């Protein structure tokens, strides 16, 4: 088994039937990472992909997943539609769901109505946690608060997420360093075809 397969298998085992949140600064490779992970599942089952970030992410989906028939792409533009989008993927029987990103619409809504944004965001996270408890695998990316480099809405995310996966840009080269629940896991590179592992913990 190659190093690449070993690393992805370890990530799959860590995230299966859980609610995991992948976070990192802008352009750290969050979307590339979760799509590369999703690619490992496509030969076995259909994946639901919920995009909240518009065209920039849709282009990356096509680059990495191509026109594969075993993923269902849903795009939403407001936080209530995000909630219903998750419910729709569940109703369609998706056992693996990717939400990219789970908090981008929450951040936009916070500027308009903080209370309603917090309620809606909590409902979405609670639903995702409930789905994971029903043996569904949920992987969500999360934008970060720039001044702190932690997920926006962290107080809510920590209440519901099983795993926090951090992608950090190396200061020495172009590699990305991966931490799972604040423990070093490995490092890799962002390429046109997605995320490629360099090494990971045994």
C-alpha atoms as a PDB file:
ATOM      1  CA  UNK A   1       0.000   0.000   0.000  1.00  0.00           C
ATOM      2  CA  UNK A   2       1.352   3.438  -0.945  1.00  0.00           C
ATOM      3  CA  UNK A   3       1.982   6.258   1.509  1.00  0.00           C
ATOM      4  CA  UNK A   4      -0.910   8.136  -0.099  1.00  0.00           C
ATOM      5  CA  UNK A   5      -3.339   5.273   0.502  1.00  0.00           C
ATOM      6  CA  UNK A   6      -2.117   4.765   4.064  1.00  0.00           C
ATOM      7  CA  UNK A   7      -2.676   8.422   4.972  1.00  0.00           C
ATOM      8  CA  UNK A   8      -6.132   8.631   3.387  1.00  0.00           C
ATOM      9  CA  UNK A   9      -7.206   5.369   5.004  1.00  0.00           C
ATOM     10  CA  UNK A  10      -6.225   6.760   8.398  1.00  0.00           C
ATOM     11  CA  UNK A  11      -8.247   9.927   7.758  1.00  0.00           C
ATOM     12  CA  UNK A  12     -11.216   7.840   6.608  1.00  0.00           C
ATOM     13  CA  UNK A  13     -11.040   5.701   9.738  1.00  0.00           C
ATOM     14  CA  UNK A  14     -10.847   8.824  11.919  1.00  0.00           C
ATOM     15  CA  UNK A  15     -13.840  10.516  10.305  1.00  0.00           C
ATOM     16  CA  UNK A  16     -16.189   7.635   9.463  1.00  0.00           C
ATOM     17  CA  UNK A  17     -19.617   8.066  11.107  1.00  0.00           C
ATOM     18  CA  UNK A  18     -18.549  11.319  12.766  1.00  0.00           C
ATOM     19  CA  UNK A  19     -19.079  15.043  12.261  1.00  0.00           C
ATOM     20  CA  UNK A  20     -15.677  16.492  11.378  1.00  0.00           C
ATOM     21  CA  UNK A  21     -14.818  20.128  10.669  1.00  0.00           C
ATOM     22  CA  UNK A  22     -11.823  21.064   8.511  1.00  0.00           C
ATOM     23  CA  UNK A  23     -10.568  24.610   9.053  1.00  0.00           C
ATOM     24  CA  UNK A  24      -7.687  26.834   8.072  1.00  0.00           C
ATOM     25  CA  UNK A  25      -6.852  30.271   6.769  1.00  0.00           C
ATOM     26  CA  UNK A  26      -7.944  31.406   3.308  1.00  0.00           C
ATOM     27  CA  UNK A  27      -6.282  29.435   0.470  1.00  0.00           C
ATOM     28  CA  UNK A  28      -4.935  26.820   2.866  1.00  0.00           C
ATOM     29  CA  UNK A  29      -6.504  24.038   0.787  1.00  0.00           C
ATOM     30  CA  UNK A  30      -9.637  23.115   2.754  1.00  0.00           C
ATOM     31  CA  UNK A  31     -11.767  22.445  -0.328  1.00  0.00           C
ATOM     32  CA  UNK A  32      -8.983  20.522  -2.071  1.00  0.00           C
ATOM     33  CA  UNK A  33      -8.511  18.389   1.037  1.00  0.00           C
ATOM     34  CA  UNK A  34     -12.172  17.415   1.502  1.00  0.00           C
ATOM     35  CA  UNK A  35     -12.708  16.800  -2.223  1.00  0.00           C
ATOM     36  CA  UNK A  36      -9.609  14.596  -2.373  1.00  0.00           C
ATOM     37  CA  UNK A  37     -10.986  12.685   0.596  1.00  0.00           C
ATOM     38  CA  UNK A  38     -14.383  12.417  -1.116  1.00  0.00           C
ATOM     39  CA  UNK A  39     -12.753  10.969  -4.213  1.00  0.00           C
ATOM     40  CA  UNK A  40     -11.757   7.915  -2.163  1.00  0.00           C
ATOM     41  CA  UNK A  41     -15.423   7.137  -1.513  1.00  0.00           C
ATOM     42  CA  UNK A  42     -16.864   7.666  -4.993  1.00  0.00           C
ATOM     43  CA  UNK A  43     -16.235   4.142  -6.290  1.00  0.00           C
ATOM     44  CA  UNK A  44     -18.280   2.717  -3.416  1.00  0.00           C
ATOM     45  CA  UNK A  45     -21.147   5.127  -2.805  1.00  0.00           C
ATOM     46  CA  UNK A  46     -22.781   8.396  -3.757  1.00  0.00           C
ATOM     47  CA  UNK A  47     -21.703  11.549  -1.934  1.00  0.00           C
ATOM     48  CA  UNK A  48     -23.742  14.672  -1.261  1.00  0.00           C
ATOM     49  CA  UNK A  49     -21.788  17.925  -1.712  1.00  0.00           C
ATOM     50  CA  UNK A  50     -23.367  21.154  -0.436  1.00  0.00           C
ATOM     51  CA  UNK A  51     -21.632  24.299  -1.698  1.00  0.00           C
ATOM     52  CA  UNK A  52     -22.267  27.602   0.106  1.00  0.00           C
ATOM     53  CA  UNK A  53     -19.407  29.553  -1.488  1.00  0.00           C
ATOM     54  CA  UNK A  54     -20.517  29.888  -5.102  1.00  0.00           C
ATOM     55  CA  UNK A  55     -18.615  29.520  -8.351  1.00  0.00           C
ATOM     56  CA  UNK A  56     -15.095  29.471  -6.933  1.00  0.00           C
ATOM     57  CA  UNK A  57     -15.791  26.136  -5.238  1.00  0.00           C
ATOM     58  CA  UNK A  58     -17.830  24.701  -8.118  1.00  0.00           C
ATOM     59  CA  UNK A  59     -14.782  25.031 -10.384  1.00  0.00           C
ATOM     60  CA  UNK A  60     -12.643  23.109  -7.889  1.00  0.00           C
ATOM     61  CA  UNK A  61     -15.286  20.365  -7.653  1.00  0.00           C
ATOM     62  CA  UNK A  62     -15.033  19.785 -11.412  1.00  0.00           C
ATOM     63  CA  UNK A  63     -11.221  19.847 -11.290  1.00  0.00           C
ATOM     64  CA  UNK A  64     -10.996  17.148  -8.629  1.00  0.00           C
ATOM     65  CA  UNK A  65     -14.177  15.055  -8.973  1.00  0.00           C
ATOM     66  CA  UNK A  66     -14.789  15.669 -12.674  1.00  0.00           C
ATOM     67  CA  UNK A  67     -18.069  14.492 -14.140  1.00  0.00           C
ATOM     68  CA  UNK A  68     -18.268  11.442 -11.917  1.00  0.00           C
ATOM     69  CA  UNK A  69     -21.864  10.264 -11.635  1.00  0.00           C
ATOM     70  CA  UNK A  70     -21.683   9.320  -7.966  1.00  0.00           C
ATOM     71  CA  UNK A  71     -21.840  12.720  -6.322  1.00  0.00           C
ATOM     72  CA  UNK A  72     -24.826  14.999  -5.934  1.00  0.00           C
ATOM     73  CA  UNK A  73     -24.003  18.715  -6.081  1.00  0.00           C
ATOM     74  CA  UNK A  74     -26.265  21.234  -4.304  1.00  0.00           C
ATOM     75  CA  UNK A  75     -25.577  24.983  -4.168  1.00  0.00           C
ATOM     76  CA  UNK A  76     -27.249  27.337  -1.678  1.00  0.00           C
ATOM     77  CA  UNK A  77     -27.114  31.105  -1.135  1.00  0.00           C
ATOM     78  CA  UNK A  78     -28.579  31.733   2.337  1.00  0.00           C
ATOM     79  CA  UNK A  79     -28.409  30.087   5.747  1.00  0.00           C
ATOM     80  CA  UNK A  80     -32.010  28.792   5.749  1.00  0.00           C
ATOM     81  CA  UNK A  81     -31.419  27.166   2.352  1.00  0.00           C
ATOM     82  CA  UNK A  82     -28.297  25.586   3.835  1.00  0.00           C
ATOM     83  CA  UNK A  83     -30.415  23.967   6.544  1.00  0.00           C
ATOM     84  CA  UNK A  84     -32.919  22.671   3.996  1.00  0.00           C
ATOM     85  CA  UNK A  85     -30.081  21.559   1.717  1.00  0.00           C
ATOM     86  CA  UNK A  86     -28.720  19.290   4.445  1.00  0.00           C
ATOM     87  CA  UNK A  87     -32.224  17.907   5.026  1.00  0.00           C
ATOM     88  CA  UNK A  88     -32.606  17.269   1.290  1.00  0.00           C
ATOM     89  CA  UNK A  89     -29.338  15.317   1.102  1.00  0.00           C
ATOM     90  CA  UNK A  90     -30.469  13.239   4.063  1.00  0.00           C
ATOM     91  CA  UNK A  91     -33.863  12.557   2.453  1.00  0.00           C
ATOM     92  CA  UNK A  92     -32.063  11.415  -0.699  1.00  0.00           C
ATOM     93  CA  UNK A  93     -30.164   8.829   1.338  1.00  0.00           C
ATOM     94  CA  UNK A  94     -26.674  10.367   1.244  1.00  0.00           C
ATOM     95  CA  UNK A  95     -24.544   8.573   3.842  1.00  0.00           C
ATOM     96  CA  UNK A  96     -21.555  10.842   3.209  1.00  0.00           C
ATOM     97  CA  UNK A  97     -22.086  14.606   3.109  1.00  0.00           C
ATOM     98  CA  UNK A  98     -19.619  17.416   2.490  1.00  0.00           C
ATOM     99  CA  UNK A  99     -20.571  20.976   3.454  1.00  0.00           C
ATOM    100  CA  UNK A 100     -18.226  23.592   2.027  1.00  0.00           C
ATOM    101  CA  UNK A 101     -18.232  25.724   4.039  1.00  0.00           C
ATOM    102  CA  UNK A 102     -20.534  25.235   6.985  1.00  0.00           C
ATOM    103  CA  UNK A 103     -20.134  28.770   8.365  1.00  0.00           C
ATOM    104  CA  UNK A 104     -19.714  31.112   5.383  1.00  0.00           C
ATOM    105  CA  UNK A 105     -23.420  32.003   5.274  1.00  0.00           C
ATOM    106  CA  UNK A 106     -23.499  32.283   9.066  1.00  0.00           C
ATOM    107  CA  UNK A 107     -20.766  34.921   8.841  1.00  0.00           C
ATOM    108  CA  UNK A 108     -22.771  36.893   6.276  1.00  0.00           C
ATOM    109  CA  UNK A 109     -26.000  36.650   8.282  1.00  0.00           C
ATOM    110  CA  UNK A 110     -24.237  37.760  11.493  1.00  0.00           C
ATOM    111  CA  UNK A 111     -23.818  41.224   9.990  1.00  0.00           C
ATOM    112  CA  UNK A 112     -27.585  41.462   9.492  1.00  0.00           C
ATOM    113  CA  UNK A 113     -29.172  39.676  12.443  1.00  0.00           C
ATOM    114  CA  UNK A 114     -26.815  38.147  14.994  1.00  0.00           C
ATOM    115  CA  UNK A 115     -29.513  36.361  16.998  1.00  0.00           C
ATOM    116  CA  UNK A 116     -31.202  34.694  14.025  1.00  0.00           C
ATOM    117  CA  UNK A 117     -27.854  33.774  12.479  1.00  0.00           C
ATOM    118  CA  UNK A 118     -26.780  32.067  15.708  1.00  0.00           C
ATOM    119  CA  UNK A 119     -30.058  30.153  15.982  1.00  0.00           C
ATOM    120  CA  UNK A 120     -29.945  28.960  12.368  1.00  0.00           C
ATOM    121  CA  UNK A 121     -26.257  28.005  12.618  1.00  0.00           C
ATOM    122  CA  UNK A 122     -26.877  26.039  15.816  1.00  0.00           C
ATOM    123  CA  UNK A 123     -29.750  24.179  14.124  1.00  0.00           C
ATOM    124  CA  UNK A 124     -27.540  23.248  11.169  1.00  0.00           C
ATOM    125  CA  UNK A 125     -24.748  21.982  13.434  1.00  0.00           C
ATOM    126  CA  UNK A 126     -27.180  20.067  15.652  1.00  0.00           C
ATOM    127  CA  UNK A 127     -28.678  18.399  12.572  1.00  0.00           C
ATOM    128  CA  UNK A 128     -25.239  17.441  11.248  1.00  0.00           C
ATOM    129  CA  UNK A 129     -24.322  15.967  14.642  1.00  0.00           C
ATOM    130  CA  UNK A 130     -27.602  14.014  14.738  1.00  0.00           C
ATOM    131  CA  UNK A 131     -26.965  12.627  11.247  1.00  0.00           C
ATOM    132  CA  UNK A 132     -23.478  11.482  12.273  1.00  0.00           C
ATOM    133  CA  UNK A 133     -24.999   9.700  15.266  1.00  0.00           C
ATOM    134  CA  UNK A 134     -27.192   7.861  12.755  1.00  0.00           C
ATOM    135  CA  UNK A 135     -24.034   6.465  11.111  1.00  0.00           C
ATOM    136  CA  UNK A 136     -23.609   9.131   8.452  1.00  0.00           C
ATOM    137  CA  UNK A 137     -20.199  10.653   7.746  1.00  0.00           C
ATOM    138  CA  UNK A 138     -20.238  14.459   7.772  1.00  0.00           C
ATOM    139  CA  UNK A 139     -17.220  16.486   6.652  1.00  0.00           C
ATOM    140  CA  UNK A 140     -17.565  20.275   6.743  1.00  0.00           C
ATOM    141  CA  UNK A 141     -15.056  22.990   5.976  1.00  0.00           C
ATOM    142  CA  UNK A 142     -15.030  26.137   8.058  1.00  0.00           C
ATOM    143  CA  UNK A 143     -13.841  29.657   7.359  1.00  0.00           C
ATOM    144  CA  UNK A 144     -11.773  31.228  10.110  1.00  0.00           C
ATOM    145  CA  UNK A 145     -11.886  34.517  11.980  1.00  0.00           C
ATOM    146  CA  UNK A 146      -8.807  36.187  10.520  1.00  0.00           C
ATOM    147  CA  UNK A 147      -7.662  37.863  13.717  1.00  0.00           C
ATOM    148  CA  UNK A 148      -7.596  34.559  15.607  1.00  0.00           C
ATOM    149  CA  UNK A 149      -7.206  31.867  12.892  1.00  0.00           C
ATOM    150  CA  UNK A 150      -9.959  29.806  14.534  1.00  0.00           C
ATOM    151  CA  UNK A 151     -13.303  28.814  12.981  1.00  0.00           C
ATOM    152  CA  UNK A 152     -15.940  31.543  13.008  1.00  0.00           C
ATOM    153  CA  UNK A 153     -18.650  30.381  15.387  1.00  0.00           C
ATOM    154  CA  UNK A 154     -16.170  28.153  17.232  1.00  0.00           C
ATOM    155  CA  UNK A 155     -18.289  28.186  20.396  1.00  0.00           C
ATOM    156  CA  UNK A 156     -21.064  26.429  18.445  1.00  0.00           C
ATOM    157  CA  UNK A 157     -18.787  24.169  16.399  1.00  0.00           C
ATOM    158  CA  UNK A 158     -16.989  22.805  19.484  1.00  0.00           C
ATOM    159  CA  UNK A 159     -20.365  21.896  20.986  1.00  0.00           C
ATOM    160  CA  UNK A 160     -21.273  19.579  18.100  1.00  0.00           C
ATOM    161  CA  UNK A 161     -18.191  18.518  16.100  1.00  0.00           C
ATOM    162  CA  UNK A 162     -16.401  15.256  16.918  1.00  0.00           C
ATOM    163  CA  UNK A 163     -13.165  16.203  15.165  1.00  0.00           C
ATOM    164  CA  UNK A 164     -11.448  19.488  14.355  1.00  0.00           C
ATOM    165  CA  UNK A 165      -8.976  19.076  11.488  1.00  0.00           C
ATOM    166  CA  UNK A 166      -6.675  22.038  11.012  1.00  0.00           C
ATOM    167  CA  UNK A 167      -4.794  22.775   7.782  1.00  0.00           C
ATOM    168  CA  UNK A 168      -1.854  25.087   8.331  1.00  0.00           C
ATOM    169  CA  UNK A 169       0.371  26.656   5.677  1.00  0.00           C
ATOM    170  CA  UNK A 170       4.006  25.796   6.359  1.00  0.00           C
ATOM    171  CA  UNK A 171       6.259  28.797   6.906  1.00  0.00           C
ATOM    172  CA  UNK A 172       9.218  26.927   5.391  1.00  0.00           C
ATOM    173  CA  UNK A 173       7.819  25.758   2.035  1.00  0.00           C
ATOM    174  CA  UNK A 174       4.566  25.268   0.110  1.00  0.00           C
ATOM    175  CA  UNK A 175       3.449  22.241   2.103  1.00  0.00           C
ATOM    176  CA  UNK A 176       0.381  22.056   4.342  1.00  0.00           C
ATOM    177  CA  UNK A 177       0.544  20.664   7.867  1.00  0.00           C
ATOM    178  CA  UNK A 178      -2.449  18.695   9.161  1.00  0.00           C
ATOM    179  CA  UNK A 179      -3.501  18.499  12.800  1.00  0.00           C
ATOM    180  CA  UNK A 180      -6.403  16.425  14.118  1.00  0.00           C
ATOM    181  CA  UNK A 181      -7.784  17.696  17.424  1.00  0.00           C
ATOM    182  CA  UNK A 182      -4.567  19.707  17.926  1.00  0.00           C
ATOM    183  CA  UNK A 183      -2.334  16.648  17.414  1.00  0.00           C
ATOM    184  CA  UNK A 184       0.100  16.603  14.481  1.00  0.00           C
ATOM    185  CA  UNK A 185      -1.027  14.120  11.827  1.00  0.00           C
ATOM    186  CA  UNK A 186       1.019  14.742   8.680  1.00  0.00           C
ATOM    187  CA  UNK A 187       1.759  17.032   5.779  1.00  0.00           C
ATOM    188  CA  UNK A 188       1.013  17.288   2.088  1.00  0.00           C
ATOM    189  CA  UNK A 189       0.795  19.530  -0.962  1.00  0.00           C
ATOM    190  CA  UNK A 190      -2.044  21.269  -2.801  1.00  0.00           C
ATOM    191  CA  UNK A 191      -1.906  20.413  -6.498  1.00  0.00           C
ATOM    192  CA  UNK A 192      -4.202  20.819  -9.510  1.00  0.00           C
ATOM    193  CA  UNK A 193      -5.636  17.348  -8.907  1.00  0.00           C
ATOM    194  CA  UNK A 194      -6.161  17.964  -5.185  1.00  0.00           C
ATOM    195  CA  UNK A 195      -4.325  17.243  -1.947  1.00  0.00           C
ATOM    196  CA  UNK A 196      -1.324  14.882  -2.071  1.00  0.00           C
ATOM    197  CA  UNK A 197       0.220  13.448   1.082  1.00  0.00           C
ATOM    198  CA  UNK A 198       3.936  13.710   1.743  1.00  0.00           C
ATOM    199  CA  UNK A 199       3.873  11.858   5.055  1.00  0.00           C
ATOM    200  CA  UNK A 200       1.647  11.047   8.011  1.00  0.00           C
ATOM    201  CA  UNK A 201       1.913   9.580  11.493  1.00  0.00           C
ATOM    202  CA  UNK A 202       2.189   5.810  11.794  1.00  0.00           C
END
